[in-house]
Amino acid sequence: MGPSVQQLLIILLIVVLLFGAKKIPELAKGLGSGIKNFKKAVKEDEETTENVEKVEAKETKSEATATTISSDEKKSV
Protein backbone atom coordinates (compact mmCIF):
# COMPACT_ATOMS: atom_id res chain seq x y z
CA MET A 1 0.00 0.00 0.00
CA GLY A 2 1.67 3.13 -1.26
CA PRO A 3 1.29 6.64 0.02
CA SER A 4 -2.05 8.35 -0.56
CA VAL A 5 -2.53 11.42 -2.73
CA GLN A 6 -2.82 13.60 0.37
CA GLN A 7 0.53 12.34 1.69
CA LEU A 8 2.21 12.97 -1.68
CA LEU A 9 0.86 16.54 -1.76
CA ILE A 10 2.20 17.21 1.74
CA ILE A 11 5.62 15.86 0.74
CA LEU A 12 5.58 18.01 -2.42
CA LEU A 13 4.66 21.09 -0.37
CA ILE A 14 7.52 20.45 2.06
CA VAL A 15 9.97 20.03 -0.83
CA VAL A 16 8.82 23.30 -2.40
CA LEU A 17 9.17 25.08 0.93
CA LEU A 18 12.65 23.68 1.54
CA PHE A 19 14.15 24.17 -1.91
CA GLY A 20 11.96 26.75 -3.61
CA ALA A 21 10.14 26.34 -6.89
CA LYS A 22 13.19 27.41 -8.96
CA LYS A 23 15.49 24.76 -7.48
CA ILE A 24 13.21 21.78 -8.14
CA PRO A 25 13.91 21.58 -11.92
CA GLU A 26 17.64 21.84 -11.21
CA LEU A 27 17.39 19.04 -8.67
CA ALA A 28 15.42 16.87 -11.10
CA LYS A 29 17.94 17.55 -13.86
CA GLY A 30 20.82 16.62 -11.55
CA LEU A 31 19.05 13.45 -10.47
CA GLY A 32 18.35 12.46 -14.09
CA SER A 33 21.93 13.15 -15.06
CA GLY A 34 23.18 11.04 -12.16
CA ILE A 35 20.96 8.12 -13.15
CA LYS A 36 22.09 8.40 -16.77
CA ASN A 37 25.77 8.38 -15.77
CA PHE A 38 25.18 5.40 -13.47
CA LYS A 39 23.52 3.38 -16.25
CA LYS A 40 26.35 4.30 -18.63
CA ALA A 41 28.97 3.15 -16.12
CA VAL A 42 27.15 -0.14 -15.53
CA LYS A 43 26.92 -0.76 -19.29
CA GLU A 44 30.64 0.00 -19.77
CA ASP A 45 31.50 -2.32 -16.88
CA GLU A 46 29.45 -5.14 -18.42
CA GLU A 47 31.14 -4.62 -21.80
CA THR A 48 34.57 -4.65 -20.15
CA THR A 49 33.71 -7.84 -18.28
CA GLU A 50 32.52 -9.50 -21.50
CA ASN A 51 35.72 -8.48 -23.31
CA VAL A 52 37.90 -9.83 -20.49
CA GLU A 53 35.98 -13.12 -20.55
CA LYS A 54 36.47 -13.40 -24.32
CA VAL A 55 40.22 -12.75 -24.01
CA GLU A 56 40.54 -15.28 -21.19
CA ALA A 57 38.64 -17.86 -23.26
CA LYS A 58 40.99 -17.29 -26.20
CA GLU A 59 44.04 -17.58 -23.93
CA THR A 60 42.72 -20.81 -22.42
CA LYS A 61 42.09 -22.21 -25.89
CA SER A 62 45.60 -21.19 -27.00
CA GLU A 63 47.13 -22.83 -23.92
CA ALA A 64 45.19 -26.02 -24.59
CA THR A 65 46.40 -26.03 -28.19
CA ALA A 66 49.97 -25.42 -27.07
CA THR A 67 49.71 -28.30 -24.60
CA THR A 68 48.39 -30.59 -27.31
CA ILE A 69 51.23 -29.61 -29.63
CA SER A 70 53.77 -30.22 -26.85
CA SER A 71 52.30 -33.67 -26.23
CA ASP A 72 52.48 -34.50 -29.95
CA GLU A 73 56.11 -33.33 -30.10
CA LYS A 74 57.03 -35.58 -27.16
CA LYS A 75 55.43 -38.57 -28.86
CA SER A 76 57.35 -37.98 -32.09
CA VAL A 77 60.68 -37.71 -30.24
C-alpha atoms as a PDB file:
ATOM      1  CA  MET A   1       0.000   0.000   0.000  1.00  0.00           C
ATOM      2  CA  GLY A   2       1.671   3.126  -1.259  1.00  0.00           C
ATOM      3  CA  PRO A   3       1.288   6.645   0.017  1.00  0.00           C
ATOM      4  CA  SER A   4      -2.046   8.351  -0.557  1.00  0.00           C
ATOM      5  CA  VAL A   5      -2.534  11.424  -2.732  1.00  0.00           C
ATOM      6  CA  GLN A   6      -2.817  13.603   0.368  1.00  0.00           C
ATOM      7  CA  GLN A   7       0.527  12.344   1.686  1.00  0.00           C
ATOM      8  CA  LEU A   8       2.209  12.975  -1.678  1.00  0.00           C
ATOM      9  CA  LEU A   9       0.862  16.543  -1.763  1.00  0.00           C
ATOM     10  CA  ILE A  10       2.196  17.208   1.735  1.00  0.00           C
ATOM     11  CA  ILE A  11       5.619  15.863   0.737  1.00  0.00           C
ATOM     12  CA  LEU A  12       5.581  18.014  -2.422  1.00  0.00           C
ATOM     13  CA  LEU A  13       4.662  21.087  -0.374  1.00  0.00           C
ATOM     14  CA  ILE A  14       7.521  20.447   2.059  1.00  0.00           C
ATOM     15  CA  VAL A  15       9.971  20.030  -0.832  1.00  0.00           C
ATOM     16  CA  VAL A  16       8.823  23.300  -2.398  1.00  0.00           C
ATOM     17  CA  LEU A  17       9.171  25.085   0.927  1.00  0.00           C
ATOM     18  CA  LEU A  18      12.648  23.678   1.545  1.00  0.00           C
ATOM     19  CA  PHE A  19      14.152  24.171  -1.908  1.00  0.00           C
ATOM     20  CA  GLY A  20      11.962  26.745  -3.609  1.00  0.00           C
ATOM     21  CA  ALA A  21      10.144  26.344  -6.894  1.00  0.00           C
ATOM     22  CA  LYS A  22      13.187  27.415  -8.961  1.00  0.00           C
ATOM     23  CA  LYS A  23      15.491  24.763  -7.479  1.00  0.00           C
ATOM     24  CA  ILE A  24      13.210  21.783  -8.138  1.00  0.00           C
ATOM     25  CA  PRO A  25      13.907  21.584 -11.923  1.00  0.00           C
ATOM     26  CA  GLU A  26      17.638  21.839 -11.212  1.00  0.00           C
ATOM     27  CA  LEU A  27      17.391  19.036  -8.673  1.00  0.00           C
ATOM     28  CA  ALA A  28      15.416  16.872 -11.097  1.00  0.00           C
ATOM     29  CA  LYS A  29      17.939  17.548 -13.862  1.00  0.00           C
ATOM     30  CA  GLY A  30      20.816  16.622 -11.550  1.00  0.00           C
ATOM     31  CA  LEU A  31      19.054  13.451 -10.468  1.00  0.00           C
ATOM     32  CA  GLY A  32      18.347  12.463 -14.085  1.00  0.00           C
ATOM     33  CA  SER A  33      21.934  13.149 -15.056  1.00  0.00           C
ATOM     34  CA  GLY A  34      23.178  11.039 -12.159  1.00  0.00           C
ATOM     35  CA  ILE A  35      20.956   8.117 -13.151  1.00  0.00           C
ATOM     36  CA  LYS A  36      22.085   8.403 -16.770  1.00  0.00           C
ATOM     37  CA  ASN A  37      25.766   8.375 -15.765  1.00  0.00           C
ATOM     38  CA  PHE A  38      25.180   5.400 -13.471  1.00  0.00           C
ATOM     39  CA  LYS A  39      23.522   3.384 -16.254  1.00  0.00           C
ATOM     40  CA  LYS A  40      26.354   4.299 -18.633  1.00  0.00           C
ATOM     41  CA  ALA A  41      28.970   3.152 -16.118  1.00  0.00           C
ATOM     42  CA  VAL A  42      27.146  -0.137 -15.533  1.00  0.00           C
ATOM     43  CA  LYS A  43      26.920  -0.755 -19.286  1.00  0.00           C
ATOM     44  CA  GLU A  44      30.636  -0.001 -19.769  1.00  0.00           C
ATOM     45  CA  ASP A  45      31.504  -2.319 -16.878  1.00  0.00           C
ATOM     46  CA  GLU A  46      29.448  -5.135 -18.422  1.00  0.00           C
ATOM     47  CA  GLU A  47      31.144  -4.621 -21.798  1.00  0.00           C
ATOM     48  CA  THR A  48      34.568  -4.648 -20.149  1.00  0.00           C
ATOM     49  CA  THR A  49      33.709  -7.843 -18.276  1.00  0.00           C
ATOM     50  CA  GLU A  50      32.521  -9.496 -21.499  1.00  0.00           C
ATOM     51  CA  ASN A  51      35.717  -8.475 -23.305  1.00  0.00           C
ATOM     52  CA  VAL A  52      37.897  -9.828 -20.490  1.00  0.00           C
ATOM     53  CA  GLU A  53      35.981 -13.119 -20.547  1.00  0.00           C
ATOM     54  CA  LYS A  54      36.472 -13.403 -24.316  1.00  0.00           C
ATOM     55  CA  VAL A  55      40.221 -12.750 -24.010  1.00  0.00           C
ATOM     56  CA  GLU A  56      40.536 -15.285 -21.186  1.00  0.00           C
ATOM     57  CA  ALA A  57      38.643 -17.861 -23.257  1.00  0.00           C
ATOM     58  CA  LYS A  58      40.994 -17.292 -26.202  1.00  0.00           C
ATOM     59  CA  GLU A  59      44.037 -17.579 -23.932  1.00  0.00           C
ATOM     60  CA  THR A  60      42.721 -20.811 -22.416  1.00  0.00           C
ATOM     61  CA  LYS A  61      42.088 -22.209 -25.892  1.00  0.00           C
ATOM     62  CA  SER A  62      45.601 -21.191 -27.000  1.00  0.00           C
ATOM     63  CA  GLU A  63      47.131 -22.827 -23.919  1.00  0.00           C
ATOM     64  CA  ALA A  64      45.187 -26.018 -24.587  1.00  0.00           C
ATOM     65  CA  THR A  65      46.396 -26.025 -28.187  1.00  0.00           C
ATOM     66  CA  ALA A  66      49.973 -25.422 -27.072  1.00  0.00           C
ATOM     67  CA  THR A  67      49.711 -28.296 -24.595  1.00  0.00           C
ATOM     68  CA  THR A  68      48.389 -30.588 -27.315  1.00  0.00           C
ATOM     69  CA  ILE A  69      51.231 -29.611 -29.634  1.00  0.00           C
ATOM     70  CA  SER A  70      53.767 -30.223 -26.854  1.00  0.00           C
ATOM     71  CA  SER A  71      52.303 -33.672 -26.232  1.00  0.00           C
ATOM     72  CA  ASP A  72      52.482 -34.496 -29.950  1.00  0.00           C
ATOM     73  CA  GLU A  73      56.113 -33.330 -30.101  1.00  0.00           C
ATOM     74  CA  LYS A  74      57.034 -35.582 -27.162  1.00  0.00           C
ATOM     75  CA  LYS A  75      55.432 -38.568 -28.861  1.00  0.00           C
ATOM     76  CA  SER A  76      57.349 -37.982 -32.091  1.00  0.00           C
ATOM     77  CA  VAL A  77      60.677 -37.707 -30.235  1.00  0.00           C
END
